Amino acid sequence: MSNNKRIGISLPIKYGLLAGVIALSLSMMGMIALFAERDLIAGVMTLGQVLLFLAPAALSYLAASKAPPGKKGTALLYGAITGFFAALPLIALIYVYTVIDLRQYFPNVSPALMEILTFGQGPGLGSLILLLVSTVLGLVSASLYLLPEKYRKPIMSGLAGTLVIGMFSEILTERLRFFFGPRFVGVIITSKALRPVIAIFIFILITAISYFWMQRGGRISERIAERTTKRDPRMRYVWIALLIVGFLILPLLAGTYLSEVINNVLIFALMGFGLNIVVGFAGLLDLGYVAFFAIGAYTMAILTSDGALGVGGFSFWLALPICVGIAVLAGIMLGFPVLRMRGDYLAIVTLGFGEIIRILALSDLLKPYIGGAQGVLQIPKPTILGTGLIQPDQFYYVVLAGCIFAAYVSWRLSGARLGRQWMAMREDEDVAEAMGIKLVNSKLLAFAIGASFAGLAGAIFASKLTSIFPHSFNLLISINVLCLIIVGGLGSLPGVVVGALFLVGLPELLREFAEFRMLMYGILLIVMMLLKPEGLWPSAVRKRELHIYEEDGQPSVDSLPKAETRAPGMEGTPHL
């Protein structure tokens, strides 16, 4: 019995030390001190404090979930122990700092960091405060786990929503000042952070809305769906019209800076729609996708540039289909040599293709034609009825039109015969070929259509920047696009947009922390693969594939095909 008790207590100790090591690592890398410069709630909380205590809170919550069922006291004890031990590595750092000059080994272990860890007190009192805060936070996290789900989820939504609004309060300040004036902004925000009273109000509001939606949201959704699809089909067009109006007025609400961020997100989403066809639908791992993006961009640059390298004098609209066509030809050229390759071999070949295009763009061989390292300059912006789309909120409509076109084509293909052929080929090429699917045609079409979207994105990208250089088309672009369709959900069209928002939009909004961008990027990918491997907005097929087995290893009842009517005497036959 005592042995079981020791095993039980060892679990929160391990979780606590793990949380402490995570917080210690973030502190020594300089993230805590840097993020502490951004206030979330004025005079109460900084982003650095949230980052410091995020791991202890999360692991205390997880430790409480591992407690024996029905033992609330044990769950609370687990949370408190986890919080207690999470503070110990940080306290060790505080005392080591007082004895040894750590800055010669770890430059980020600075007096500013010690000020944060000790809450402005000395090492002794500050360590006690840190230990108390961490323990209480662990206890609160465990208490949150013990709440009924109908209360727990709304409270967590309220906390997350308040922190997110506080994180982007600087951007919110600019837009509120534009619409309501500085006096109104001063009531809500001070020193680029939420006022405490406003933060409490936002928390209560989001929590109440989330609670109401949990109670009645399902019935409201059912009523809307019923009225839309059964009673009044015209309601579907009303919703579509509202969505279109929302997209059209978005730049007016967002302003110049946010419109630029949205444009970047949409360009990556446009590439994501193309790679989603190649990887998500057809199952062909393409790591050289940036090559088609570069081909579209350079074709647009050469055909429209007003500089010495411009050869065509074409307008943007006339050059656009040519860019797409050349990208399609490049996709077919890549497709032919790799028709019999699969998996890792295909990835390596496509990776080589992407590098070949990048090196050719840098080479002296093609420098007289595409500028080499100096790139192509003086690329004009597109015009509509003689008006140049110069500002980001104007250029937004060009990028939006490209994304809508790509999304519509992808949606139509996903349910068409060709889309079903791709999905069959993705699952098993040998079986697909045995069923009569022509693998050569299907693969070539996948590469060609995927390349066309990348070429379209590259053409728009070149016109957006008005100049292009080879360093804009490195391997990292292909990796980013691949990651966003994985994070959003392979084979899911809404998932492409969601993935682009998370992996392109958020880093753009947090550019002041750009030195840690790739670190946060990697952490997000790891967390996603562990907690939600199907993606943030997965397709129904992908979600069913990954959740077909329950914890006991048996197929889930909901995941199995529904029983069909059997002929008399055939009730016992297996469902094929």
Protein backbone atom coordinates (compact mmCIF):
# COMPACT_ATOMS: atom_id res chain seq x y z
CA MET A 1 0.00 0.00 0.00
CA SER A 2 2.81 2.37 0.92
CA ASN A 3 4.57 1.46 -2.30
CA ASN A 4 1.49 2.49 -4.33
CA LYS A 5 1.34 5.72 -2.36
CA ARG A 6 4.98 6.49 -3.18
CA ILE A 7 4.33 5.79 -6.84
CA GLY A 8 1.32 8.12 -6.74
CA ILE A 9 3.27 10.97 -5.10
CA SER A 10 6.20 10.53 -7.51
CA LEU A 11 3.96 11.43 -10.46
CA PRO A 12 3.28 15.08 -9.50
CA ILE A 13 6.91 15.44 -8.40
CA LYS A 14 8.07 14.41 -11.88
CA TYR A 15 5.53 16.72 -13.51
CA GLY A 16 6.58 19.57 -11.24
CA LEU A 17 10.27 19.18 -11.97
CA LEU A 18 9.52 18.95 -15.68
CA ALA A 19 7.51 22.18 -15.52
CA GLY A 20 10.33 23.81 -13.56
CA VAL A 21 12.92 22.77 -16.12
CA ILE A 22 10.75 24.19 -18.92
CA ALA A 23 10.36 27.50 -17.07
CA LEU A 24 14.09 27.53 -16.29
CA SER A 25 14.99 26.94 -19.94
CA LEU A 26 12.71 29.75 -21.12
CA SER A 27 14.24 32.06 -18.52
CA MET A 28 17.83 31.29 -19.48
CA MET A 29 17.07 31.72 -23.18
CA GLY A 30 15.85 35.25 -22.52
CA MET A 31 12.23 34.69 -23.48
CA ILE A 32 10.82 35.56 -20.04
CA ALA A 33 12.67 38.88 -19.80
CA LEU A 34 11.84 39.86 -23.38
CA PHE A 35 8.17 38.91 -23.15
CA ALA A 36 7.86 40.74 -19.81
CA GLU A 37 8.19 44.00 -21.73
CA ARG A 38 4.66 43.45 -23.06
CA ASP A 39 1.95 44.14 -20.50
CA LEU A 40 -1.29 42.19 -20.83
CA ILE A 41 -3.18 43.72 -17.91
CA ALA A 42 -1.76 47.05 -16.77
CA GLY A 43 0.03 46.79 -13.43
CA VAL A 44 -1.12 43.19 -12.89
CA MET A 45 0.22 40.78 -15.50
CA THR A 46 2.82 40.70 -18.27
CA LEU A 47 3.24 38.28 -21.11
CA GLY A 48 6.50 37.14 -19.52
CA GLN A 49 4.71 36.12 -16.32
CA VAL A 50 2.15 34.15 -18.33
CA LEU A 51 4.95 32.34 -20.15
CA LEU A 52 6.78 31.69 -16.86
CA PHE A 53 3.81 30.03 -15.16
CA LEU A 54 2.20 28.42 -18.19
CA ALA A 55 4.06 25.10 -17.89
CA PRO A 56 3.46 24.75 -14.11
CA ALA A 57 -0.25 25.48 -14.56
CA ALA A 58 -0.63 23.06 -17.48
CA LEU A 59 1.24 20.22 -15.80
CA SER A 60 -0.60 20.76 -12.51
CA TYR A 61 -3.85 20.39 -14.42
CA LEU A 62 -2.49 17.24 -16.07
CA ALA A 63 -1.30 15.84 -12.74
CA ALA A 64 -4.77 16.37 -11.23
CA SER A 65 -6.26 14.42 -14.13
CA LYS A 66 -4.01 11.45 -13.22
CA ALA A 67 -5.35 11.22 -9.67
CA PRO A 68 -7.51 8.18 -8.77
CA PRO A 69 -11.15 8.73 -9.83
CA GLY A 70 -13.40 10.17 -7.16
CA LYS A 71 -10.58 11.37 -4.90
CA LYS A 72 -10.79 15.16 -5.10
CA GLY A 73 -8.41 15.66 -2.20
CA THR A 74 -5.73 13.62 -3.96
CA ALA A 75 -6.21 15.63 -7.16
CA LEU A 76 -5.78 18.89 -5.26
CA LEU A 77 -2.69 17.48 -3.53
CA TYR A 78 -1.23 16.46 -6.89
CA GLY A 79 -1.74 19.97 -8.24
CA ALA A 80 -0.16 21.62 -5.21
CA ILE A 81 2.85 19.27 -5.26
CA THR A 82 3.37 19.89 -8.98
CA GLY A 83 3.30 23.65 -8.45
CA PHE A 84 5.64 23.40 -5.45
CA PHE A 85 8.31 21.41 -7.26
CA ALA A 86 7.98 23.54 -10.40
CA ALA A 87 9.34 26.51 -8.44
CA LEU A 88 12.44 24.70 -7.17
CA PRO A 89 14.62 24.94 -10.35
CA LEU A 90 13.86 28.67 -10.57
CA ILE A 91 14.72 29.17 -6.90
CA ALA A 92 17.99 27.31 -7.51
CA LEU A 93 18.74 29.72 -10.35
CA ILE A 94 18.09 32.70 -8.07
CA TYR A 95 20.55 31.51 -5.42
CA VAL A 96 23.20 30.43 -7.92
CA TYR A 97 22.96 33.91 -9.47
CA THR A 98 23.78 35.48 -6.09
CA VAL A 99 26.96 33.38 -5.82
CA ILE A 100 28.23 33.07 -9.39
CA ASP A 101 28.26 35.62 -12.20
CA LEU A 102 26.18 33.56 -14.64
CA ARG A 103 26.09 36.28 -17.29
CA GLN A 104 29.53 35.31 -18.57
CA TYR A 105 28.09 31.89 -19.41
CA PHE A 106 24.41 32.74 -19.98
CA PRO A 107 24.05 36.37 -21.12
CA ASN A 108 20.27 36.27 -20.76
CA VAL A 109 20.43 35.58 -17.01
CA SER A 110 20.24 39.29 -16.25
CA PRO A 111 19.19 41.51 -13.33
CA ALA A 112 15.93 42.11 -15.20
CA LEU A 113 15.22 38.37 -15.14
CA MET A 114 16.00 38.19 -11.40
CA GLU A 115 13.63 41.10 -10.85
CA ILE A 116 10.87 39.09 -12.53
CA LEU A 117 11.59 35.83 -10.68
CA THR A 118 11.79 37.50 -7.25
CA PHE A 119 8.85 39.87 -7.85
CA GLY A 120 11.12 42.81 -7.09
CA GLN A 121 12.08 41.48 -3.67
CA GLY A 122 15.36 40.07 -2.42
CA PRO A 123 16.46 36.47 -3.08
CA GLY A 124 15.08 35.17 0.22
CA LEU A 125 11.65 36.80 0.26
CA GLY A 126 11.37 36.60 -3.54
CA SER A 127 12.00 32.85 -3.49
CA LEU A 128 9.30 32.35 -0.86
CA ILE A 129 6.84 34.41 -2.91
CA LEU A 130 7.72 32.43 -6.04
CA LEU A 131 7.23 29.14 -4.19
CA LEU A 132 3.89 30.29 -2.77
CA VAL A 133 2.60 31.62 -6.10
CA SER A 134 3.59 28.46 -7.97
CA THR A 135 2.00 26.20 -5.32
CA VAL A 136 -1.24 28.19 -5.24
CA LEU A 137 -1.32 28.22 -9.05
CA GLY A 138 -0.97 24.42 -9.07
CA LEU A 139 -3.80 24.17 -6.57
CA VAL A 140 -6.01 26.46 -8.67
CA SER A 141 -5.26 24.48 -11.82
CA ALA A 142 -6.21 21.24 -10.06
CA SER A 143 -9.40 22.89 -8.77
CA LEU A 144 -10.23 23.92 -12.31
CA TYR A 145 -9.93 20.31 -13.43
CA LEU A 146 -12.34 19.20 -10.69
CA LEU A 147 -15.06 21.58 -11.82
CA PRO A 148 -17.89 20.10 -13.94
CA GLU A 149 -17.24 20.39 -17.66
CA LYS A 150 -20.10 22.85 -18.16
CA TYR A 151 -18.23 25.31 -15.91
CA ARG A 152 -14.63 24.31 -16.66
CA LYS A 153 -14.70 24.91 -20.41
CA PRO A 154 -16.33 28.38 -20.25
CA ILE A 155 -13.83 29.51 -17.60
CA MET A 156 -10.90 28.27 -19.68
CA SER A 157 -12.36 30.02 -22.74
CA GLY A 158 -12.68 33.23 -20.73
CA LEU A 159 -9.08 33.05 -19.55
CA ALA A 160 -7.74 32.28 -23.03
CA GLY A 161 -9.85 35.00 -24.66
CA THR A 162 -8.78 37.64 -22.14
CA LEU A 163 -5.10 36.79 -22.58
CA VAL A 164 -5.35 36.86 -26.38
CA ILE A 165 -7.09 40.25 -26.37
CA GLY A 166 -4.47 41.57 -23.96
CA MET A 167 -1.68 40.21 -26.16
CA PHE A 168 -2.94 42.14 -29.18
CA SER A 169 -4.04 45.23 -27.26
CA GLU A 170 -1.55 47.39 -29.17
CA ILE A 171 -3.15 46.54 -32.51
CA LEU A 172 -6.58 46.87 -30.92
CA THR A 173 -5.64 50.34 -29.69
CA GLU A 174 -4.94 51.59 -33.20
CA ARG A 175 -8.22 50.31 -34.62
CA LEU A 176 -10.35 51.52 -31.71
CA ARG A 177 -8.74 54.95 -31.94
CA PHE A 178 -9.58 55.05 -35.64
CA PHE A 179 -13.27 54.22 -35.11
CA PHE A 180 -14.07 55.70 -31.69
CA GLY A 181 -11.37 58.25 -30.93
CA PRO A 182 -8.61 58.44 -28.29
CA ARG A 183 -10.94 59.19 -25.38
CA PHE A 184 -12.77 55.88 -25.76
CA VAL A 185 -9.46 54.03 -26.06
CA GLY A 186 -8.21 55.61 -22.84
CA VAL A 187 -11.15 54.11 -20.96
CA ILE A 188 -10.24 50.56 -22.10
CA ILE A 189 -6.48 50.55 -22.60
CA THR A 190 -3.63 52.27 -20.82
CA SER A 191 0.05 52.01 -21.79
CA LYS A 192 -0.87 49.50 -24.53
CA ALA A 193 -2.42 47.11 -21.97
CA LEU A 194 -5.94 46.35 -20.78
CA ARG A 195 -7.15 48.08 -17.66
CA PRO A 196 -7.84 45.57 -14.87
CA VAL A 197 -11.57 46.37 -14.70
CA ILE A 198 -11.89 45.93 -18.47
CA ALA A 199 -9.98 42.63 -18.31
CA ILE A 200 -12.41 41.33 -15.66
CA PHE A 201 -15.37 42.45 -17.77
CA ILE A 202 -13.96 40.71 -20.88
CA PHE A 203 -13.37 37.51 -18.88
CA ILE A 204 -16.94 37.50 -17.52
CA LEU A 205 -18.38 38.27 -20.96
CA ILE A 206 -16.47 35.53 -22.79
CA THR A 207 -17.19 33.02 -20.02
CA ALA A 208 -20.92 33.83 -20.11
CA ILE A 209 -21.09 33.56 -23.90
CA SER A 210 -19.21 30.25 -23.85
CA TYR A 211 -21.48 28.87 -21.10
CA PHE A 212 -24.59 29.91 -23.01
CA TRP A 213 -23.27 28.34 -26.21
CA MET A 214 -22.46 25.07 -24.45
CA GLN A 215 -26.00 24.92 -23.12
CA ARG A 216 -27.93 26.00 -26.19
CA GLY A 217 -25.45 26.23 -29.05
CA GLY A 218 -26.21 22.76 -30.38
CA ARG A 219 -29.93 23.43 -30.62
CA ILE A 220 -29.34 26.82 -32.22
CA SER A 221 -27.01 25.24 -34.82
CA GLU A 222 -29.59 22.53 -35.55
CA ARG A 223 -32.33 25.11 -36.06
CA ILE A 224 -30.15 27.18 -38.36
CA ALA A 225 -29.16 24.07 -40.36
CA GLU A 226 -32.76 22.91 -40.55
CA ARG A 227 -34.01 26.26 -41.78
CA THR A 228 -31.14 26.55 -44.21
CA THR A 229 -31.41 23.11 -45.79
CA LYS A 230 -35.03 22.03 -45.34
CA ARG A 231 -37.56 24.73 -44.65
CA ASP A 232 -36.07 27.61 -46.57
CA PRO A 233 -33.18 26.78 -48.93
CA ARG A 234 -32.88 30.47 -49.73
CA MET A 235 -31.34 31.01 -46.29
CA ARG A 236 -28.21 29.34 -47.60
CA TYR A 237 -27.77 32.16 -50.08
CA VAL A 238 -28.36 34.70 -47.31
CA TRP A 239 -25.46 33.23 -45.33
CA ILE A 240 -23.26 33.18 -48.42
CA ALA A 241 -24.13 36.82 -49.10
CA LEU A 242 -23.27 37.80 -45.53
CA LEU A 243 -19.95 35.97 -45.82
CA ILE A 244 -19.13 37.79 -49.06
CA VAL A 245 -20.00 41.16 -47.52
CA GLY A 246 -17.77 40.33 -44.54
CA PHE A 247 -14.83 39.56 -46.82
CA LEU A 248 -15.40 42.76 -48.80
CA ILE A 249 -15.46 45.09 -45.81
CA LEU A 250 -12.66 43.34 -43.92
CA PRO A 251 -9.90 45.77 -45.09
CA LEU A 252 -12.00 48.71 -43.93
CA LEU A 253 -12.14 47.20 -40.44
CA ALA A 254 -8.58 45.91 -40.36
CA GLY A 255 -6.61 48.94 -41.54
CA THR A 256 -3.33 49.05 -43.45
CA TYR A 257 -1.12 46.96 -41.16
CA LEU A 258 -3.61 44.16 -40.56
CA SER A 259 -4.48 44.14 -44.26
CA GLU A 260 -0.82 43.49 -45.02
CA VAL A 261 -0.81 40.61 -42.54
CA ILE A 262 -4.00 39.21 -44.07
CA ASN A 263 -2.44 39.41 -47.54
CA ASN A 264 0.53 37.33 -46.38
CA VAL A 265 -1.80 34.80 -44.78
CA LEU A 266 -3.88 34.52 -47.95
CA ILE A 267 -0.82 34.07 -50.19
CA PHE A 268 0.34 31.16 -48.05
CA ALA A 269 -3.21 29.81 -47.94
CA LEU A 270 -3.27 29.95 -51.76
CA MET A 271 -0.08 27.87 -51.88
CA GLY A 272 -1.57 25.64 -49.19
CA PHE A 273 -4.58 24.83 -51.38
CA GLY A 274 -2.21 23.65 -54.10
CA LEU A 275 0.01 21.57 -51.84
CA ASN A 276 -3.09 20.16 -50.16
CA ILE A 277 -4.06 18.63 -53.50
CA VAL A 278 -0.62 17.07 -53.94
CA VAL A 279 -0.09 15.89 -50.35
CA GLY A 280 -3.52 15.91 -48.72
CA PHE A 281 -5.56 14.47 -51.59
CA ALA A 282 -3.05 12.47 -53.66
CA GLY A 283 -0.58 11.56 -50.89
CA LEU A 284 2.50 12.70 -52.86
CA LEU A 285 5.05 14.25 -50.49
CA ASP A 286 6.43 17.30 -52.31
CA LEU A 287 9.27 19.21 -50.59
CA GLY A 288 10.15 21.27 -53.66
CA TYR A 289 6.83 23.08 -53.90
CA VAL A 290 8.56 26.45 -53.62
CA ALA A 291 9.97 25.89 -57.13
CA PHE A 292 6.56 26.47 -58.73
CA PHE A 293 6.07 29.52 -56.52
CA ALA A 294 9.39 30.90 -57.79
CA ILE A 295 8.55 30.11 -61.42
CA GLY A 296 5.28 32.01 -61.18
CA ALA A 297 6.97 34.97 -59.50
CA TYR A 298 9.86 35.22 -61.98
CA THR A 299 7.55 34.84 -64.95
CA MET A 300 5.38 37.71 -63.69
CA ALA A 301 8.48 39.80 -63.01
CA ILE A 302 10.00 39.32 -66.46
CA LEU A 303 6.76 39.85 -68.33
CA THR A 304 5.66 43.00 -66.49
CA SER A 305 8.85 44.68 -65.17
CA ASP A 306 9.52 48.26 -66.25
CA GLY A 307 13.25 47.74 -65.63
CA ALA A 308 16.03 46.47 -67.84
CA LEU A 309 15.02 42.81 -67.42
CA GLY A 310 11.43 43.31 -68.50
CA VAL A 311 10.78 41.83 -71.92
CA GLY A 312 7.06 41.75 -72.49
CA GLY A 313 5.54 44.94 -71.22
CA PHE A 314 2.47 42.91 -70.25
CA SER A 315 -0.12 44.06 -67.77
CA PHE A 316 -0.66 42.07 -64.59
CA TRP A 317 -3.93 40.57 -65.80
CA LEU A 318 -2.51 39.54 -69.16
CA ALA A 319 0.62 37.98 -67.62
CA LEU A 320 -1.28 36.11 -64.90
CA PRO A 321 -2.57 33.19 -67.04
CA ILE A 322 0.87 32.86 -68.66
CA CYS A 323 2.47 32.52 -65.22
CA VAL A 324 -0.02 29.84 -64.27
CA GLY A 325 0.50 28.01 -67.56
CA ILE A 326 4.28 27.93 -67.22
CA ALA A 327 3.95 26.67 -63.62
CA VAL A 328 1.66 23.89 -64.88
CA LEU A 329 4.25 22.87 -67.48
CA ALA A 330 6.90 22.79 -64.74
CA GLY A 331 4.61 20.60 -62.63
CA ILE A 332 4.20 18.14 -65.50
CA MET A 333 7.96 18.14 -66.14
CA LEU A 334 8.54 17.26 -62.49
CA GLY A 335 5.76 14.68 -62.53
CA PHE A 336 7.12 12.55 -65.36
CA PRO A 337 10.45 11.51 -63.73
CA VAL A 338 8.84 10.70 -60.37
CA LEU A 339 5.83 8.68 -61.52
CA ARG A 340 7.11 5.45 -59.96
CA MET A 341 8.51 6.98 -56.78
CA ARG A 342 6.83 7.01 -53.39
CA GLY A 343 7.39 8.28 -49.88
CA ASP A 344 10.91 9.31 -48.92
CA TYR A 345 12.29 8.88 -52.44
CA LEU A 346 9.67 11.22 -53.87
CA ALA A 347 10.37 13.77 -51.13
CA ILE A 348 14.11 13.73 -51.89
CA VAL A 349 13.60 14.16 -55.64
CA THR A 350 11.17 17.06 -55.23
CA LEU A 351 13.51 18.63 -52.69
CA GLY A 352 16.29 18.47 -55.26
CA PHE A 353 14.03 20.06 -57.87
CA GLY A 354 13.31 22.99 -55.56
CA GLU A 355 17.01 23.50 -54.85
CA ILE A 356 17.84 23.36 -58.57
CA ILE A 357 15.40 26.19 -59.27
CA ARG A 358 16.80 28.29 -56.41
CA ILE A 359 20.42 27.75 -57.50
CA LEU A 360 19.54 28.59 -61.12
CA ALA A 361 17.93 31.83 -59.93
CA LEU A 362 21.19 32.69 -58.13
CA SER A 363 23.54 31.57 -60.90
CA ASP A 364 25.52 33.76 -63.26
CA LEU A 365 24.25 31.65 -66.15
CA LEU A 366 20.76 33.16 -65.95
CA LYS A 367 21.80 36.50 -64.46
CA PRO A 368 21.37 38.40 -67.77
CA TYR A 369 17.79 37.18 -67.92
CA ILE A 370 16.50 37.06 -64.33
CA GLY A 371 18.99 39.23 -62.47
CA GLY A 372 20.81 36.64 -60.34
CA ALA A 373 21.32 37.73 -56.74
CA GLN A 374 20.19 41.28 -57.63
CA GLY A 375 16.73 39.99 -58.55
CA VAL A 376 14.16 41.72 -60.71
CA LEU A 377 13.01 45.24 -59.83
CA GLN A 378 10.29 47.70 -60.89
CA ILE A 379 7.44 45.22 -61.07
CA PRO A 380 4.22 47.22 -61.40
CA LYS A 381 1.16 46.76 -59.21
CA PRO A 382 -2.06 45.54 -60.85
CA THR A 383 -4.63 48.10 -61.95
CA ILE A 384 -8.41 47.98 -62.21
CA LEU A 385 -10.13 50.51 -64.48
CA GLY A 386 -6.98 52.63 -64.48
CA THR A 387 -6.66 52.65 -60.67
CA GLY A 388 -3.50 51.11 -59.25
CA LEU A 389 -3.96 48.72 -56.32
CA ILE A 390 -1.09 50.16 -54.33
CA GLN A 391 -2.15 50.01 -50.70
CA PRO A 392 -2.43 46.66 -48.86
CA ASP A 393 -6.16 47.18 -48.28
CA GLN A 394 -6.57 47.56 -52.05
CA PHE A 395 -4.31 44.67 -53.05
CA TYR A 396 -6.23 42.46 -50.62
CA TYR A 397 -9.00 41.94 -53.16
CA VAL A 398 -6.58 40.48 -55.71
CA VAL A 399 -5.23 37.95 -53.21
CA LEU A 400 -8.75 37.18 -51.97
CA ALA A 401 -9.94 36.49 -55.53
CA GLY A 402 -7.06 34.05 -56.05
CA CYS A 403 -7.83 32.23 -52.79
CA ILE A 404 -11.55 31.98 -53.54
CA PHE A 405 -10.77 30.56 -56.97
CA ALA A 406 -8.33 28.00 -55.55
CA ALA A 407 -10.72 27.03 -52.74
CA TYR A 408 -13.62 26.59 -55.16
CA VAL A 409 -11.60 24.44 -57.55
CA SER A 410 -10.27 22.34 -54.66
CA TRP A 411 -13.76 21.89 -53.25
CA ARG A 412 -15.17 20.78 -56.61
CA LEU A 413 -12.26 18.40 -57.18
CA SER A 414 -12.55 16.84 -53.72
CA GLY A 415 -15.99 15.45 -54.52
CA ALA A 416 -15.38 14.76 -58.19
CA ARG A 417 -14.23 11.50 -59.77
CA LEU A 418 -10.66 12.78 -59.99
CA GLY A 419 -10.64 13.67 -56.29
CA ARG A 420 -11.81 10.20 -55.32
CA GLN A 421 -9.10 8.72 -57.53
CA TRP A 422 -6.49 10.80 -55.71
CA MET A 423 -7.75 9.65 -52.33
CA ALA A 424 -7.75 6.02 -53.42
CA MET A 425 -4.21 6.46 -54.70
CA ARG A 426 -3.22 8.06 -51.41
CA GLU A 427 -4.42 5.06 -49.42
CA ASP A 428 -2.84 2.35 -51.61
CA GLU A 429 -1.45 2.85 -55.10
CA ASP A 430 -1.40 -0.87 -55.94
CA VAL A 431 -5.04 -1.37 -55.01
CA ALA A 432 -6.01 1.83 -56.83
CA GLU A 433 -4.27 0.64 -59.99
CA ALA A 434 -5.93 -2.76 -59.69
CA MET A 435 -9.30 -1.00 -59.58
CA GLY A 436 -8.61 0.64 -62.92
CA ILE A 437 -7.29 4.02 -61.82
CA LYS A 438 -4.60 5.34 -64.17
CA LEU A 439 -1.83 6.35 -61.80
CA VAL A 440 0.14 8.23 -64.45
CA ASN A 441 -2.72 10.55 -65.34
CA SER A 442 -3.78 11.03 -61.72
CA LYS A 443 -0.28 11.92 -60.51
CA LEU A 444 0.39 14.28 -63.39
CA LEU A 445 -2.91 16.06 -62.81
CA ALA A 446 -2.14 16.39 -59.10
CA PHE A 447 1.28 17.90 -59.78
CA ALA A 448 -0.07 20.16 -62.53
CA ILE A 449 -3.03 21.54 -60.55
CA GLY A 450 -0.95 21.96 -57.40
CA ALA A 451 1.73 23.77 -59.39
CA SER A 452 -0.87 26.05 -60.99
CA PHE A 453 -1.95 27.36 -57.57
CA ALA A 454 1.69 27.89 -56.55
CA GLY A 455 2.36 29.74 -59.81
CA LEU A 456 -0.70 31.92 -59.19
CA ALA A 457 0.52 32.69 -55.67
CA GLY A 458 4.01 33.50 -56.97
CA ALA A 459 2.67 35.88 -59.61
CA ILE A 460 0.58 37.72 -57.02
CA PHE A 461 3.54 37.74 -54.61
CA ALA A 462 5.85 39.35 -57.20
CA SER A 463 3.33 42.06 -57.99
CA LYS A 464 2.72 42.67 -54.29
CA LEU A 465 6.42 43.24 -53.47
CA THR A 466 7.25 44.98 -56.82
CA SER A 467 10.68 43.29 -56.65
CA ILE A 468 11.83 39.72 -56.10
CA PHE A 469 15.12 38.09 -55.06
CA PRO A 470 16.26 34.45 -54.95
CA HIS A 471 16.41 34.35 -51.14
CA SER A 472 12.62 34.65 -51.08
CA PHE A 473 12.32 31.13 -52.52
CA ASN A 474 14.32 28.89 -50.19
CA LEU A 475 13.40 25.50 -48.79
CA LEU A 476 11.81 27.05 -45.70
CA ILE A 477 8.86 28.24 -47.81
CA SER A 478 8.04 24.65 -48.81
CA ILE A 479 8.37 23.53 -45.18
CA ASN A 480 6.09 26.34 -44.01
CA VAL A 481 3.38 25.45 -46.50
CA LEU A 482 3.65 21.76 -45.65
CA CYS A 483 3.43 22.55 -41.94
CA LEU A 484 0.37 24.74 -42.30
CA ILE A 485 -1.63 22.06 -44.11
CA ILE A 486 -0.57 19.50 -41.47
CA VAL A 487 -1.47 21.82 -38.58
CA GLY A 488 -4.75 22.78 -40.24
CA GLY A 489 -5.57 19.22 -41.26
CA LEU A 490 -4.45 17.20 -44.27
CA GLY A 491 -7.12 17.14 -46.95
CA SER A 492 -9.20 19.83 -45.22
CA LEU A 493 -9.92 23.05 -47.12
CA PRO A 494 -10.90 25.13 -44.04
CA GLY A 495 -7.86 23.62 -42.33
CA VAL A 496 -5.57 25.27 -44.89
CA VAL A 497 -6.86 28.71 -43.90
CA VAL A 498 -6.72 27.93 -40.18
CA GLY A 499 -3.16 26.62 -40.50
CA ALA A 500 -2.10 29.75 -42.39
CA LEU A 501 -3.62 31.93 -39.67
CA PHE A 502 -1.71 30.11 -36.93
CA LEU A 503 1.65 29.67 -38.66
CA VAL A 504 1.78 32.86 -40.75
CA GLY A 505 -0.63 35.32 -39.16
CA LEU A 506 0.41 34.97 -35.51
CA PRO A 507 4.18 35.31 -36.15
CA GLU A 508 3.47 38.40 -38.25
CA LEU A 509 1.49 39.96 -35.39
CA LEU A 510 4.27 39.12 -32.91
CA ARG A 511 7.22 40.42 -34.90
CA GLU A 512 8.74 42.07 -31.82
CA PHE A 513 9.58 38.55 -30.64
CA ALA A 514 10.98 37.52 -34.04
CA GLU A 515 14.19 36.04 -32.58
CA PHE A 516 12.13 33.30 -30.93
CA ARG A 517 9.79 32.82 -33.86
CA MET A 518 11.16 29.47 -34.99
CA LEU A 519 11.28 28.17 -31.42
CA MET A 520 7.58 28.91 -30.91
CA TYR A 521 6.95 27.47 -34.35
CA GLY A 522 8.57 24.17 -33.39
CA ILE A 523 6.81 24.02 -30.01
CA LEU A 524 3.45 24.53 -31.70
CA LEU A 525 4.15 21.69 -34.14
CA ILE A 526 5.16 19.32 -31.36
CA VAL A 527 2.09 20.16 -29.27
CA MET A 528 -0.15 19.75 -32.30
CA MET A 529 1.24 16.33 -33.19
CA LEU A 530 0.86 15.12 -29.60
CA LEU A 531 -2.57 16.53 -28.75
CA LYS A 532 -4.37 16.90 -32.07
CA PRO A 533 -2.57 14.94 -34.81
CA GLU A 534 -5.52 15.21 -37.19
CA GLY A 535 -5.15 19.02 -37.29
CA LEU A 536 -7.07 22.02 -36.02
CA TRP A 537 -9.87 21.63 -38.58
CA PRO A 538 -9.51 18.10 -39.95
CA SER A 539 -11.43 16.57 -42.80
CA ALA A 540 -14.04 14.00 -41.83
CA VAL A 541 -12.05 11.18 -43.44
CA ARG A 542 -8.80 12.08 -41.71
CA LYS A 543 -10.47 12.44 -38.33
CA ARG A 544 -12.19 9.08 -38.69
CA GLU A 545 -8.92 7.39 -39.65
CA LEU A 546 -7.05 8.66 -36.60
CA HIS A 547 -9.83 8.03 -34.09
CA ILE A 548 -11.12 4.68 -35.29
CA TYR A 549 -9.66 2.95 -32.24
CA GLU A 550 -10.59 3.67 -28.67
CA GLU A 551 -8.20 3.53 -25.74
CA ASP A 552 -8.66 -0.21 -25.35
CA GLY A 553 -7.59 -0.79 -28.93
CA GLN A 554 -11.03 -1.84 -30.14
CA PRO A 555 -12.75 -0.09 -33.05
CA SER A 556 -15.06 2.71 -31.96
CA VAL A 557 -18.74 2.07 -32.63
CA ASP A 558 -19.19 5.52 -34.11
CA SER A 559 -16.29 4.97 -36.51
CA LEU A 560 -17.62 1.77 -38.02
CA PRO A 561 -19.83 1.79 -41.12
CA LYS A 562 -23.53 1.83 -40.41
CA ALA A 563 -25.30 -1.49 -40.79
CA GLU A 564 -27.19 -1.95 -43.99
CA THR A 565 -30.33 -3.94 -44.58
CA ARG A 566 -29.49 -7.61 -45.11
CA ALA A 567 -31.39 -10.09 -47.17
CA PRO A 568 -33.08 -12.90 -45.20
CA GLY A 569 -30.51 -15.42 -44.08
CA MET A 570 -27.61 -12.99 -44.57
CA GLU A 571 -27.72 -11.29 -41.14
CA GLY A 572 -24.46 -12.84 -40.00
CA THR A 573 -22.38 -11.94 -43.06
CA PRO A 574 -19.61 -9.42 -42.53
CA HIS A 575 -20.07 -5.84 -43.70
CA LEU A 576 -17.79 -5.19 -46.65
